[in-house]
């Protein structure tokens, strides 16, 4: 009976994690759409949505702690619960970074130029896909897929390096673009960190599956 209760509780926890992961991915999609369409209302909705992600994080944390107290899981079961606690932190930080981009878009005087910046759009596409795939790999405990996703972080890093070089070049050539350069640099840095959090989720997937973890970035 206790085992059945634990299984049911874990199934519910997985549903909550999948829901929160979907919310994090949606936040990225919405903030980039807000930039592309120069839509302040949509950017504002991302900021408000971050509060919902924070609430979801607290709900999942409470369920995890309740599971530990009531069921007292050991070995692999304990790993499943403790990993969930780690993953929600990364999901919440993804939402934070999406909200950071939204806030920057709202206060920027360069929204027109930001809306079609190819460095931002390419990085955003990669980051959103990485988050979606990382969450799915975690929910399905798909270790091979998680390993493949981790390799894709190199693409994000390369795009970030390119964005930095582009920013330096046009700021150097036109001092009037310094503010725009700073905005682009900040947005691409947030997107690079989102990619890092997706990698973390994959690392926690590996930990849940094998009991070992190589490296998790503290962001």
N, C-alpha and C. Protein backbone atom coordinates (compact mmCIF):
# COMPACT_ATOMS: atom_id res chain seq x y z
N UNK A 1 0.83 -1.21 0.00
CA UNK A 1 0.00 0.00 0.00
C UNK A 1 0.87 1.26 0.00
N UNK A 2 1.92 1.24 0.85
CA UNK A 2 2.82 2.39 0.93
C UNK A 2 3.51 2.62 -0.41
N UNK A 3 3.89 1.50 -1.07
CA UNK A 3 4.56 1.61 -2.36
C UNK A 3 3.62 2.21 -3.41
N UNK A 4 2.36 1.80 -3.37
CA UNK A 4 1.38 2.32 -4.32
C UNK A 4 1.17 3.81 -4.10
N UNK A 5 1.11 4.21 -2.83
CA UNK A 5 0.95 5.63 -2.52
C UNK A 5 2.13 6.44 -3.05
N UNK A 6 3.34 5.90 -2.86
CA UNK A 6 4.53 6.60 -3.33
C UNK A 6 4.52 6.73 -4.85
N UNK A 7 4.14 5.65 -5.52
CA UNK A 7 4.08 5.67 -6.99
C UNK A 7 3.08 6.71 -7.48
N UNK A 8 1.93 6.76 -6.84
CA UNK A 8 0.91 7.75 -7.22
C UNK A 8 1.40 9.17 -6.96
N UNK A 9 2.06 9.36 -5.81
CA UNK A 9 2.58 10.69 -5.48
C UNK A 9 3.65 11.12 -6.49
N UNK A 10 4.50 10.18 -6.90
CA UNK A 10 5.55 10.50 -7.87
C UNK A 10 4.95 10.82 -9.24
N UNK A 11 3.87 10.12 -9.58
CA UNK A 11 3.20 10.40 -10.85
C UNK A 11 2.64 11.83 -10.85
N UNK A 12 2.05 12.22 -9.73
CA UNK A 12 1.52 13.58 -9.60
C UNK A 12 2.65 14.61 -9.66
N UNK A 13 3.77 14.28 -9.01
CA UNK A 13 4.92 15.17 -9.01
C UNK A 13 5.46 15.36 -10.43
N UNK A 14 5.50 14.29 -11.19
CA UNK A 14 5.96 14.37 -12.59
C UNK A 14 5.05 15.28 -13.41
N UNK A 15 3.75 15.18 -13.17
CA UNK A 15 2.80 16.05 -13.88
C UNK A 15 3.07 17.52 -13.54
N UNK A 16 3.33 17.79 -12.28
CA UNK A 16 3.62 19.17 -11.86
C UNK A 16 4.91 19.67 -12.49
N UNK A 17 5.92 18.80 -12.53
CA UNK A 17 7.19 19.19 -13.14
C UNK A 17 7.04 19.46 -14.63
N UNK A 18 6.25 18.61 -15.30
CA UNK A 18 6.00 18.82 -16.73
C UNK A 18 5.27 20.14 -16.96
N UNK A 19 4.32 20.44 -16.09
CA UNK A 19 3.57 21.70 -16.21
C UNK A 19 4.49 22.90 -16.00
N UNK A 20 5.35 22.82 -15.00
CA UNK A 20 6.26 23.94 -14.73
C UNK A 20 7.26 24.10 -15.87
N UNK A 21 7.73 22.98 -16.41
CA UNK A 21 8.64 23.05 -17.55
C UNK A 21 7.99 23.71 -18.75
N UNK A 22 6.72 23.39 -18.97
CA UNK A 22 5.98 24.02 -20.06
C UNK A 22 5.82 25.51 -19.84
N UNK A 23 5.62 25.91 -18.59
CA UNK A 23 5.50 27.33 -18.27
C UNK A 23 6.82 28.06 -18.54
N UNK A 24 7.94 27.41 -18.20
CA UNK A 24 9.25 28.03 -18.43
C UNK A 24 9.52 28.19 -19.92
N UNK A 25 9.21 27.15 -20.69
CA UNK A 25 9.40 27.24 -22.14
C UNK A 25 8.52 28.33 -22.75
N UNK A 26 7.27 28.39 -22.29
CA UNK A 26 6.34 29.39 -22.80
C UNK A 26 6.82 30.80 -22.50
N UNK A 27 7.46 30.98 -21.34
CA UNK A 27 7.97 32.31 -20.98
C UNK A 27 9.02 32.78 -21.99
N UNK A 28 9.88 31.85 -22.42
CA UNK A 28 10.89 32.21 -23.43
C UNK A 28 10.22 32.58 -24.74
N UNK A 29 9.28 31.74 -25.17
CA UNK A 29 8.58 31.97 -26.43
C UNK A 29 7.86 33.32 -26.42
N UNK A 30 7.20 33.64 -25.32
CA UNK A 30 6.42 34.87 -25.24
C UNK A 30 7.32 36.11 -25.22
N UNK A 31 8.43 36.03 -24.52
CA UNK A 31 9.27 37.23 -24.42
C UNK A 31 9.94 37.53 -25.76
N UNK A 32 10.28 36.50 -26.51
CA UNK A 32 10.87 36.75 -27.82
C UNK A 32 9.81 37.26 -28.78
N UNK A 33 8.60 36.73 -28.66
CA UNK A 33 7.49 37.24 -29.49
C UNK A 33 7.21 38.71 -29.14
N UNK A 34 7.32 39.03 -27.84
CA UNK A 34 7.12 40.43 -27.42
C UNK A 34 8.17 41.34 -28.05
N UNK A 35 9.41 40.85 -28.11
CA UNK A 35 10.48 41.63 -28.74
C UNK A 35 10.23 41.79 -30.24
N UNK A 36 9.93 40.68 -30.91
CA UNK A 36 9.74 40.71 -32.37
C UNK A 36 8.58 41.60 -32.78
N UNK A 37 7.51 41.55 -31.98
CA UNK A 37 6.30 42.32 -32.32
C UNK A 37 6.25 43.68 -31.63
N UNK A 38 7.30 43.98 -30.86
CA UNK A 38 7.35 45.25 -30.11
C UNK A 38 6.08 45.42 -29.28
N UNK A 39 5.77 44.38 -28.50
CA UNK A 39 4.50 44.30 -27.77
C UNK A 39 4.75 44.41 -26.26
N UNK A 40 4.59 45.60 -25.68
CA UNK A 40 4.85 45.77 -24.25
C UNK A 40 3.89 44.99 -23.36
N UNK A 41 2.65 44.81 -23.81
CA UNK A 41 1.68 44.05 -23.00
C UNK A 41 2.12 42.60 -22.85
N UNK A 42 2.65 42.03 -23.93
CA UNK A 42 3.11 40.64 -23.88
C UNK A 42 4.34 40.52 -22.98
N UNK A 43 5.23 41.51 -23.06
CA UNK A 43 6.40 41.51 -22.19
C UNK A 43 5.98 41.59 -20.72
N UNK A 44 4.98 42.42 -20.45
CA UNK A 44 4.47 42.54 -19.08
C UNK A 44 3.87 41.23 -18.60
N UNK A 45 3.21 40.51 -19.50
CA UNK A 45 2.60 39.23 -19.11
C UNK A 45 3.66 38.20 -18.73
N UNK A 46 4.85 38.30 -19.34
CA UNK A 46 5.94 37.40 -18.97
C UNK A 46 6.40 37.68 -17.54
N UNK A 47 6.47 38.94 -17.19
CA UNK A 47 6.87 39.32 -15.83
C UNK A 47 5.84 38.81 -14.82
N UNK A 48 4.56 38.98 -15.13
CA UNK A 48 3.52 38.48 -14.25
C UNK A 48 3.55 36.95 -14.18
N UNK A 49 3.85 36.32 -15.32
CA UNK A 49 3.92 34.86 -15.36
C UNK A 49 5.04 34.31 -14.50
N UNK A 50 6.09 35.11 -14.29
CA UNK A 50 7.20 34.65 -13.45
C UNK A 50 6.73 34.41 -12.02
N UNK A 51 5.75 35.17 -11.59
CA UNK A 51 5.21 34.96 -10.24
C UNK A 51 4.52 33.60 -10.16
N UNK A 52 3.84 33.22 -11.23
CA UNK A 52 3.18 31.91 -11.27
C UNK A 52 4.22 30.80 -11.21
N UNK A 53 5.35 31.00 -11.89
CA UNK A 53 6.43 30.01 -11.82
C UNK A 53 6.99 29.90 -10.41
N UNK A 54 7.14 31.04 -9.75
CA UNK A 54 7.62 31.02 -8.37
C UNK A 54 6.65 30.27 -7.46
N UNK A 55 5.36 30.50 -7.67
CA UNK A 55 4.34 29.79 -6.88
C UNK A 55 4.40 28.29 -7.14
N UNK A 56 4.59 27.92 -8.41
CA UNK A 56 4.67 26.51 -8.78
C UNK A 56 5.90 25.86 -8.14
N UNK A 57 7.00 26.60 -8.11
CA UNK A 57 8.21 26.08 -7.47
C UNK A 57 7.94 25.76 -6.00
N UNK A 58 7.28 26.68 -5.31
CA UNK A 58 6.99 26.45 -3.88
C UNK A 58 6.05 25.26 -3.69
N UNK A 59 5.07 25.11 -4.58
CA UNK A 59 4.14 23.99 -4.49
C UNK A 59 4.88 22.66 -4.64
N UNK A 60 5.75 22.59 -5.65
CA UNK A 60 6.49 21.35 -5.89
C UNK A 60 7.45 21.07 -4.74
N UNK A 61 8.11 22.09 -4.24
CA UNK A 61 9.01 21.90 -3.10
C UNK A 61 8.26 21.35 -1.90
N UNK A 62 7.07 21.87 -1.66
CA UNK A 62 6.25 21.38 -0.54
C UNK A 62 5.88 19.92 -0.73
N UNK A 63 5.52 19.55 -1.95
CA UNK A 63 5.15 18.16 -2.23
C UNK A 63 6.35 17.23 -2.04
N UNK A 64 7.53 17.69 -2.47
CA UNK A 64 8.74 16.88 -2.30
C UNK A 64 9.06 16.66 -0.82
N UNK A 65 8.98 17.71 -0.05
CA UNK A 65 9.27 17.60 1.39
C UNK A 65 8.24 16.72 2.08
N UNK A 66 6.98 16.85 1.66
CA UNK A 66 5.92 16.01 2.23
C UNK A 66 6.17 14.54 1.90
N UNK A 67 6.61 14.28 0.68
CA UNK A 67 6.94 12.92 0.27
C UNK A 67 8.07 12.35 1.13
N UNK A 68 9.08 13.15 1.37
CA UNK A 68 10.21 12.69 2.17
C UNK A 68 9.80 12.37 3.60
N UNK A 69 8.94 13.21 4.15
CA UNK A 69 8.51 13.02 5.54
C UNK A 69 7.57 11.83 5.69
N UNK A 70 6.62 11.72 4.76
CA UNK A 70 5.60 10.67 4.87
C UNK A 70 6.10 9.30 4.42
N UNK A 71 6.79 9.28 3.28
CA UNK A 71 7.18 8.01 2.68
C UNK A 71 8.59 7.57 3.06
N UNK A 72 9.41 8.52 3.48
CA UNK A 72 10.81 8.24 3.83
C UNK A 72 11.49 7.38 2.77
N UNK A 73 11.55 7.88 1.54
CA UNK A 73 12.12 7.09 0.45
C UNK A 73 13.62 6.86 0.63
N UNK A 74 14.12 5.78 0.07
CA UNK A 74 15.55 5.47 0.13
C UNK A 74 16.03 5.15 -1.28
N UNK A 75 17.36 5.13 -1.42
CA UNK A 75 18.01 4.74 -2.67
C UNK A 75 17.45 5.50 -3.87
N UNK A 76 17.00 4.77 -4.89
CA UNK A 76 16.56 5.40 -6.14
C UNK A 76 15.34 6.28 -5.94
N UNK A 77 14.44 5.88 -5.03
CA UNK A 77 13.25 6.70 -4.76
C UNK A 77 13.64 8.05 -4.17
N UNK A 78 14.59 8.02 -3.26
CA UNK A 78 15.07 9.27 -2.65
C UNK A 78 15.73 10.15 -3.71
N UNK A 79 16.45 9.51 -4.61
CA UNK A 79 17.11 10.24 -5.69
C UNK A 79 16.08 10.94 -6.58
N UNK A 80 14.96 10.28 -6.84
CA UNK A 80 13.91 10.86 -7.68
C UNK A 80 13.35 12.13 -7.05
N UNK A 81 13.12 12.08 -5.74
CA UNK A 81 12.54 13.24 -5.05
C UNK A 81 13.56 14.37 -4.95
N UNK A 82 14.79 14.03 -4.55
CA UNK A 82 15.80 15.07 -4.38
C UNK A 82 16.16 15.72 -5.73
N UNK A 83 16.12 14.93 -6.80
CA UNK A 83 16.38 15.48 -8.13
C UNK A 83 15.29 16.46 -8.54
N UNK A 84 14.05 16.13 -8.23
CA UNK A 84 12.94 17.04 -8.53
C UNK A 84 13.16 18.39 -7.86
N UNK A 85 13.65 18.37 -6.63
CA UNK A 85 13.92 19.62 -5.91
C UNK A 85 14.97 20.45 -6.63
N UNK A 86 15.96 19.79 -7.21
CA UNK A 86 17.01 20.51 -7.93
C UNK A 86 16.49 21.07 -9.25
N UNK A 87 15.71 20.26 -9.96
CA UNK A 87 15.24 20.67 -11.29
C UNK A 87 14.31 21.88 -11.22
N UNK A 88 13.46 21.93 -10.19
CA UNK A 88 12.53 23.07 -10.11
C UNK A 88 13.30 24.38 -9.93
N UNK A 89 14.46 24.31 -9.28
CA UNK A 89 15.27 25.51 -9.13
C UNK A 89 15.74 26.01 -10.49
N UNK A 90 16.18 25.09 -11.35
CA UNK A 90 16.61 25.49 -12.69
C UNK A 90 15.44 26.02 -13.51
N UNK A 91 14.29 25.38 -13.40
CA UNK A 91 13.11 25.87 -14.13
C UNK A 91 12.73 27.28 -13.68
N UNK A 92 12.80 27.50 -12.38
CA UNK A 92 12.45 28.82 -11.84
C UNK A 92 13.43 29.88 -12.34
N UNK A 93 14.70 29.52 -12.42
CA UNK A 93 15.71 30.47 -12.89
C UNK A 93 15.52 30.78 -14.38
N UNK A 94 15.07 29.79 -15.15
CA UNK A 94 14.76 30.03 -16.56
C UNK A 94 13.66 31.09 -16.67
N UNK A 95 12.64 30.95 -15.84
CA UNK A 95 11.57 31.95 -15.81
C UNK A 95 12.08 33.32 -15.40
N UNK A 96 12.99 33.34 -14.44
CA UNK A 96 13.59 34.61 -14.01
C UNK A 96 14.30 35.30 -15.16
N UNK A 97 15.06 34.53 -15.93
CA UNK A 97 15.82 35.13 -17.04
C UNK A 97 14.89 35.62 -18.14
N UNK A 98 13.80 34.89 -18.39
CA UNK A 98 12.82 35.36 -19.37
C UNK A 98 12.21 36.69 -18.90
N UNK A 99 11.92 36.78 -17.60
CA UNK A 99 11.38 38.02 -17.04
C UNK A 99 12.41 39.14 -17.10
N UNK A 100 13.69 38.80 -16.89
CA UNK A 100 14.76 39.80 -17.02
C UNK A 100 14.78 40.40 -18.42
N UNK A 101 14.64 39.53 -19.43
CA UNK A 101 14.62 40.00 -20.82
C UNK A 101 13.40 40.89 -21.05
N UNK A 102 12.26 40.48 -20.49
CA UNK A 102 11.02 41.26 -20.64
C UNK A 102 11.18 42.65 -20.02
N UNK A 103 11.77 42.71 -18.84
CA UNK A 103 11.96 44.00 -18.17
C UNK A 103 12.90 44.89 -18.98
N UNK A 104 13.94 44.27 -19.54
CA UNK A 104 14.88 45.05 -20.36
C UNK A 104 14.18 45.58 -21.61
N UNK A 105 13.34 44.75 -22.21
CA UNK A 105 12.61 45.18 -23.41
C UNK A 105 11.69 46.36 -23.10
N UNK A 106 11.07 46.33 -21.93
CA UNK A 106 10.13 47.40 -21.57
C UNK A 106 10.83 48.73 -21.34
N UNK A 107 12.03 48.69 -20.80
CA UNK A 107 12.70 49.95 -20.49
C UNK A 107 13.68 50.40 -21.57
N UNK A 108 13.90 49.54 -22.57
CA UNK A 108 14.89 49.87 -23.60
C UNK A 108 14.37 50.95 -24.55
N UNK A 109 15.28 51.83 -24.96
CA UNK A 109 14.95 52.83 -25.98
C UNK A 109 15.26 52.30 -27.39
N UNK A 110 15.67 51.03 -27.45
CA UNK A 110 16.13 50.47 -28.72
C UNK A 110 15.28 49.28 -29.16
N UNK A 111 14.01 49.28 -28.79
CA UNK A 111 13.16 48.13 -29.05
C UNK A 111 13.06 47.82 -30.55
N UNK A 112 13.10 48.85 -31.39
CA UNK A 112 13.00 48.64 -32.84
C UNK A 112 14.18 47.80 -33.33
N UNK A 113 15.39 48.16 -32.88
CA UNK A 113 16.58 47.42 -33.32
C UNK A 113 16.66 46.05 -32.68
N UNK A 114 16.18 45.93 -31.45
CA UNK A 114 16.21 44.63 -30.77
C UNK A 114 15.28 43.64 -31.45
N UNK A 115 14.19 44.14 -32.02
CA UNK A 115 13.13 43.27 -32.53
C UNK A 115 13.56 42.38 -33.68
N UNK A 116 14.59 42.79 -34.42
CA UNK A 116 15.01 41.97 -35.56
C UNK A 116 16.50 41.61 -35.50
N UNK A 117 17.08 41.65 -34.30
CA UNK A 117 18.48 41.28 -34.14
C UNK A 117 18.63 39.77 -34.29
N UNK A 118 19.39 39.35 -35.29
CA UNK A 118 19.49 37.93 -35.61
C UNK A 118 20.23 37.13 -34.54
N UNK A 119 21.19 37.74 -33.87
CA UNK A 119 21.88 37.03 -32.78
C UNK A 119 20.89 36.64 -31.69
N UNK A 120 20.03 37.57 -31.32
CA UNK A 120 19.02 37.31 -30.29
C UNK A 120 18.04 36.24 -30.76
N UNK A 121 17.55 36.37 -31.98
CA UNK A 121 16.52 35.44 -32.48
C UNK A 121 17.06 34.02 -32.60
N UNK A 122 18.30 33.88 -33.08
CA UNK A 122 18.88 32.54 -33.21
C UNK A 122 19.13 31.91 -31.85
N UNK A 123 19.68 32.69 -30.92
CA UNK A 123 19.93 32.16 -29.57
C UNK A 123 18.63 31.78 -28.88
N UNK A 124 17.60 32.61 -29.06
CA UNK A 124 16.32 32.35 -28.41
C UNK A 124 15.71 31.05 -28.92
N UNK A 125 15.81 30.81 -30.22
CA UNK A 125 15.29 29.57 -30.80
C UNK A 125 15.99 28.36 -30.21
N UNK A 126 17.31 28.42 -30.14
CA UNK A 126 18.08 27.30 -29.58
C UNK A 126 17.76 27.10 -28.10
N UNK A 127 17.68 28.20 -27.35
CA UNK A 127 17.42 28.10 -25.91
C UNK A 127 16.05 27.51 -25.64
N UNK A 128 15.05 27.97 -26.37
CA UNK A 128 13.69 27.46 -26.17
C UNK A 128 13.62 25.97 -26.47
N UNK A 129 14.24 25.54 -27.57
CA UNK A 129 14.22 24.12 -27.93
C UNK A 129 14.98 23.28 -26.92
N UNK A 130 16.09 23.80 -26.41
CA UNK A 130 16.85 23.07 -25.40
C UNK A 130 16.04 22.87 -24.13
N UNK A 131 15.35 23.91 -23.70
CA UNK A 131 14.54 23.81 -22.48
C UNK A 131 13.43 22.79 -22.68
N UNK A 132 12.72 22.89 -23.80
CA UNK A 132 11.63 21.94 -24.07
C UNK A 132 12.14 20.50 -24.07
N UNK A 133 13.24 20.26 -24.77
CA UNK A 133 13.76 18.90 -24.89
C UNK A 133 14.35 18.40 -23.58
N UNK A 134 14.99 19.30 -22.81
CA UNK A 134 15.57 18.90 -21.52
C UNK A 134 14.48 18.49 -20.54
N UNK A 135 13.39 19.23 -20.51
CA UNK A 135 12.28 18.88 -19.61
C UNK A 135 11.68 17.54 -20.01
N UNK A 136 11.50 17.33 -21.30
CA UNK A 136 10.94 16.05 -21.77
C UNK A 136 11.87 14.89 -21.42
N UNK A 137 13.18 15.09 -21.60
CA UNK A 137 14.14 14.04 -21.27
C UNK A 137 14.09 13.71 -19.78
N UNK A 138 13.93 14.74 -18.95
CA UNK A 138 13.86 14.51 -17.51
C UNK A 138 12.58 13.76 -17.14
N UNK A 139 11.46 14.18 -17.67
CA UNK A 139 10.18 13.55 -17.34
C UNK A 139 10.18 12.09 -17.78
N UNK A 140 10.75 11.82 -18.95
CA UNK A 140 10.77 10.46 -19.49
C UNK A 140 11.97 9.66 -19.01
N UNK A 141 12.86 10.30 -18.27
CA UNK A 141 14.11 9.70 -17.79
C UNK A 141 14.88 9.09 -18.97
N UNK A 142 15.01 9.91 -20.02
CA UNK A 142 15.67 9.49 -21.26
C UNK A 142 17.12 9.96 -21.22
N UNK A 143 18.00 9.09 -20.74
CA UNK A 143 19.39 9.46 -20.52
C UNK A 143 20.12 9.77 -21.83
N UNK A 144 19.89 8.97 -22.86
CA UNK A 144 20.58 9.20 -24.13
C UNK A 144 20.18 10.54 -24.74
N UNK A 145 18.90 10.86 -24.65
CA UNK A 145 18.45 12.14 -25.17
C UNK A 145 19.05 13.29 -24.37
N UNK A 146 19.13 13.12 -23.05
CA UNK A 146 19.73 14.16 -22.20
C UNK A 146 21.17 14.42 -22.60
N UNK A 147 21.91 13.35 -22.89
CA UNK A 147 23.31 13.51 -23.29
C UNK A 147 23.43 14.27 -24.61
N UNK A 148 22.53 14.00 -25.54
CA UNK A 148 22.54 14.70 -26.82
C UNK A 148 22.23 16.19 -26.64
N UNK A 149 21.28 16.48 -25.75
CA UNK A 149 20.90 17.88 -25.51
C UNK A 149 22.07 18.66 -24.92
N UNK A 150 22.82 18.02 -24.02
CA UNK A 150 23.96 18.70 -23.39
C UNK A 150 24.98 19.14 -24.43
N UNK A 151 25.14 18.37 -25.48
CA UNK A 151 26.10 18.73 -26.53
C UNK A 151 25.67 20.00 -27.27
N UNK A 152 24.36 20.24 -27.30
CA UNK A 152 23.85 21.40 -28.02
C UNK A 152 24.17 22.72 -27.32
N UNK A 153 24.65 22.65 -26.09
CA UNK A 153 25.02 23.88 -25.40
C UNK A 153 26.17 24.58 -26.11
N UNK A 154 26.98 23.80 -26.84
CA UNK A 154 28.08 24.40 -27.60
C UNK A 154 27.55 25.37 -28.65
N UNK A 155 26.39 25.05 -29.23
CA UNK A 155 25.78 25.93 -30.24
C UNK A 155 25.42 27.27 -29.61
N UNK A 156 24.79 27.21 -28.43
CA UNK A 156 24.43 28.44 -27.72
C UNK A 156 25.67 29.26 -27.39
N UNK A 157 26.72 28.58 -26.91
CA UNK A 157 27.95 29.28 -26.55
C UNK A 157 28.59 29.94 -27.77
N UNK A 158 28.56 29.24 -28.90
CA UNK A 158 29.13 29.81 -30.13
C UNK A 158 28.33 31.03 -30.59
N UNK A 159 27.02 30.94 -30.50
CA UNK A 159 26.17 32.08 -30.87
C UNK A 159 26.42 33.26 -29.93
N UNK A 160 26.62 32.96 -28.64
CA UNK A 160 26.89 34.03 -27.68
C UNK A 160 28.23 34.70 -27.99
N UNK A 161 29.24 33.90 -28.33
CA UNK A 161 30.54 34.47 -28.70
C UNK A 161 30.41 35.36 -29.93
N UNK A 162 29.63 34.90 -30.90
CA UNK A 162 29.40 35.70 -32.12
C UNK A 162 28.69 37.01 -31.78
N UNK A 163 27.68 36.93 -30.91
CA UNK A 163 26.93 38.13 -30.51
C UNK A 163 27.86 39.14 -29.85
N UNK A 164 28.77 38.66 -29.01
CA UNK A 164 29.71 39.56 -28.34
C UNK A 164 30.60 40.27 -29.36
N UNK A 165 31.08 39.51 -30.33
CA UNK A 165 31.94 40.12 -31.35
C UNK A 165 31.17 41.13 -32.19
N UNK A 166 29.93 40.79 -32.54
CA UNK A 166 29.10 41.72 -33.32
C UNK A 166 28.84 43.01 -32.55
N UNK A 167 28.56 42.86 -31.26
CA UNK A 167 28.28 44.02 -30.41
C UNK A 167 29.50 44.94 -30.33
N UNK A 168 30.65 44.34 -30.11
CA UNK A 168 31.88 45.13 -30.01
C UNK A 168 32.15 45.88 -31.31
N UNK A 169 31.91 45.19 -32.42
CA UNK A 169 32.20 45.78 -33.73
C UNK A 169 31.33 46.99 -34.02
N UNK A 170 29.99 46.83 -33.86
CA UNK A 170 29.18 47.99 -34.24
C UNK A 170 29.20 49.10 -33.19
N UNK A 171 29.49 48.76 -31.93
CA UNK A 171 29.64 49.81 -30.92
C UNK A 171 30.92 50.61 -31.17
N UNK A 172 31.94 49.92 -31.65
CA UNK A 172 33.21 50.58 -31.95
C UNK A 172 33.06 51.51 -33.15
N UNK A 173 32.25 51.10 -34.11
CA UNK A 173 32.08 51.89 -35.33
C UNK A 173 31.08 53.04 -35.18
N UNK A 174 30.19 52.91 -34.20
CA UNK A 174 29.16 53.95 -34.03
C UNK A 174 28.87 54.11 -32.54
N UNK A 175 29.44 55.15 -31.94
CA UNK A 175 29.30 55.35 -30.49
C UNK A 175 27.85 55.58 -30.08
N UNK A 176 27.01 55.99 -31.02
CA UNK A 176 25.60 56.22 -30.69
C UNK A 176 24.87 54.91 -30.42
N UNK A 177 25.51 53.78 -30.76
CA UNK A 177 24.88 52.48 -30.58
C UNK A 177 25.32 51.76 -29.30
N UNK A 178 25.99 52.48 -28.43
CA UNK A 178 26.49 51.85 -27.20
C UNK A 178 25.35 51.30 -26.35
N UNK A 179 24.28 52.09 -26.18
CA UNK A 179 23.15 51.62 -25.38
C UNK A 179 22.52 50.37 -25.99
N UNK A 180 22.38 50.36 -27.31
CA UNK A 180 21.84 49.19 -28.00
C UNK A 180 22.76 47.99 -27.79
N UNK A 181 24.06 48.22 -27.88
CA UNK A 181 25.03 47.14 -27.68
C UNK A 181 24.89 46.52 -26.30
N UNK A 182 24.70 47.36 -25.30
CA UNK A 182 24.55 46.86 -23.93
C UNK A 182 23.27 46.03 -23.81
N UNK A 183 22.18 46.51 -24.41
CA UNK A 183 20.92 45.77 -24.36
C UNK A 183 21.06 44.39 -25.00
N UNK A 184 21.69 44.36 -26.18
CA UNK A 184 21.88 43.08 -26.88
C UNK A 184 22.75 42.15 -26.05
N UNK A 185 23.81 42.70 -25.47
CA UNK A 185 24.71 41.88 -24.66
C UNK A 185 23.98 41.27 -23.46
N UNK A 186 23.15 42.06 -22.81
CA UNK A 186 22.42 41.57 -21.65
C UNK A 186 21.43 40.47 -22.05
N UNK A 187 20.68 40.70 -23.13
CA UNK A 187 19.69 39.71 -23.56
C UNK A 187 20.36 38.40 -23.95
N UNK A 188 21.45 38.49 -24.73
CA UNK A 188 22.13 37.26 -25.15
C UNK A 188 22.76 36.54 -23.96
N UNK A 189 23.20 37.29 -22.95
CA UNK A 189 23.75 36.65 -21.75
C UNK A 189 22.65 35.90 -21.01
N UNK A 190 21.47 36.49 -20.90
CA UNK A 190 20.36 35.79 -20.26
C UNK A 190 20.00 34.52 -21.03
N UNK A 191 20.02 34.59 -22.36
CA UNK A 191 19.71 33.41 -23.18
C UNK A 191 20.77 32.33 -23.01
N UNK A 192 22.03 32.75 -22.90
CA UNK A 192 23.12 31.78 -22.68
C UNK A 192 22.94 31.08 -21.34
N UNK A 193 22.50 31.82 -20.34
CA UNK A 193 22.26 31.22 -19.02
C UNK A 193 21.08 30.26 -19.06
N UNK A 194 20.06 30.60 -19.85
CA UNK A 194 18.92 29.68 -20.00
C UNK A 194 19.41 28.35 -20.56
N UNK A 195 20.31 28.42 -21.55
CA UNK A 195 20.90 27.19 -22.09
C UNK A 195 21.64 26.41 -21.02
N UNK A 196 22.36 27.11 -20.15
CA UNK A 196 23.07 26.45 -19.06
C UNK A 196 22.11 25.75 -18.10
N UNK A 197 20.98 26.36 -17.83
CA UNK A 197 19.99 25.72 -16.95
C UNK A 197 19.38 24.48 -17.61
N UNK A 198 19.21 24.53 -18.93
CA UNK A 198 18.73 23.34 -19.65
C UNK A 198 19.75 22.21 -19.51
N UNK A 199 21.03 22.54 -19.59
CA UNK A 199 22.08 21.54 -19.38
C UNK A 199 22.01 20.99 -17.96
N UNK A 200 21.80 21.86 -16.98
CA UNK A 200 21.65 21.39 -15.60
C UNK A 200 20.54 20.36 -15.47
N UNK A 201 19.40 20.63 -16.11
CA UNK A 201 18.27 19.69 -16.05
C UNK A 201 18.69 18.34 -16.62
N UNK A 202 19.47 18.37 -17.70
CA UNK A 202 19.97 17.12 -18.27
C UNK A 202 20.95 16.42 -17.33
N UNK A 203 21.78 17.21 -16.65
CA UNK A 203 22.70 16.63 -15.67
C UNK A 203 21.94 15.95 -14.53
N UNK A 204 20.85 16.57 -14.10
CA UNK A 204 20.04 15.96 -13.04
C UNK A 204 19.31 14.72 -13.54
N UNK A 205 18.99 14.70 -14.84
CA UNK A 205 18.41 13.50 -15.43
C UNK A 205 19.41 12.35 -15.34
N UNK A 206 20.67 12.66 -15.64
CA UNK A 206 21.72 11.65 -15.55
C UNK A 206 21.90 11.18 -14.11
N UNK A 207 21.84 12.11 -13.17
CA UNK A 207 21.97 11.74 -11.76
C UNK A 207 20.83 10.82 -11.33
N UNK A 208 19.62 11.16 -11.74
CA UNK A 208 18.48 10.32 -11.36
C UNK A 208 18.61 8.92 -11.93
N UNK A 209 19.13 8.83 -13.15
CA UNK A 209 19.23 7.53 -13.82
C UNK A 209 20.40 6.69 -13.31
N UNK A 210 21.51 7.35 -12.97
CA UNK A 210 22.74 6.60 -12.67
C UNK A 210 23.25 6.77 -11.24
N UNK A 211 22.82 7.83 -10.57
CA UNK A 211 23.32 8.08 -9.23
C UNK A 211 24.58 8.91 -9.20
N UNK A 212 25.07 9.32 -10.37
CA UNK A 212 26.27 10.16 -10.41
C UNK A 212 26.00 11.38 -11.27
N UNK A 213 26.66 12.46 -10.94
CA UNK A 213 26.52 13.70 -11.71
C UNK A 213 27.91 14.29 -11.91
N UNK A 214 28.19 14.73 -13.15
CA UNK A 214 29.53 15.23 -13.46
C UNK A 214 29.72 16.65 -12.97
N UNK A 215 28.82 17.50 -13.38
CA UNK A 215 29.00 18.93 -13.06
C UNK A 215 27.68 19.67 -13.24
N UNK A 216 27.30 20.41 -12.23
CA UNK A 216 26.10 21.24 -12.33
C UNK A 216 26.53 22.68 -12.11
N UNK A 217 26.11 23.56 -13.01
CA UNK A 217 26.51 24.96 -12.93
C UNK A 217 25.63 25.70 -11.94
N UNK A 218 26.26 26.40 -11.05
CA UNK A 218 25.52 27.21 -10.08
C UNK A 218 25.32 28.59 -10.67
N UNK A 219 24.07 28.89 -11.07
CA UNK A 219 23.78 30.13 -11.79
C UNK A 219 22.77 30.97 -11.04
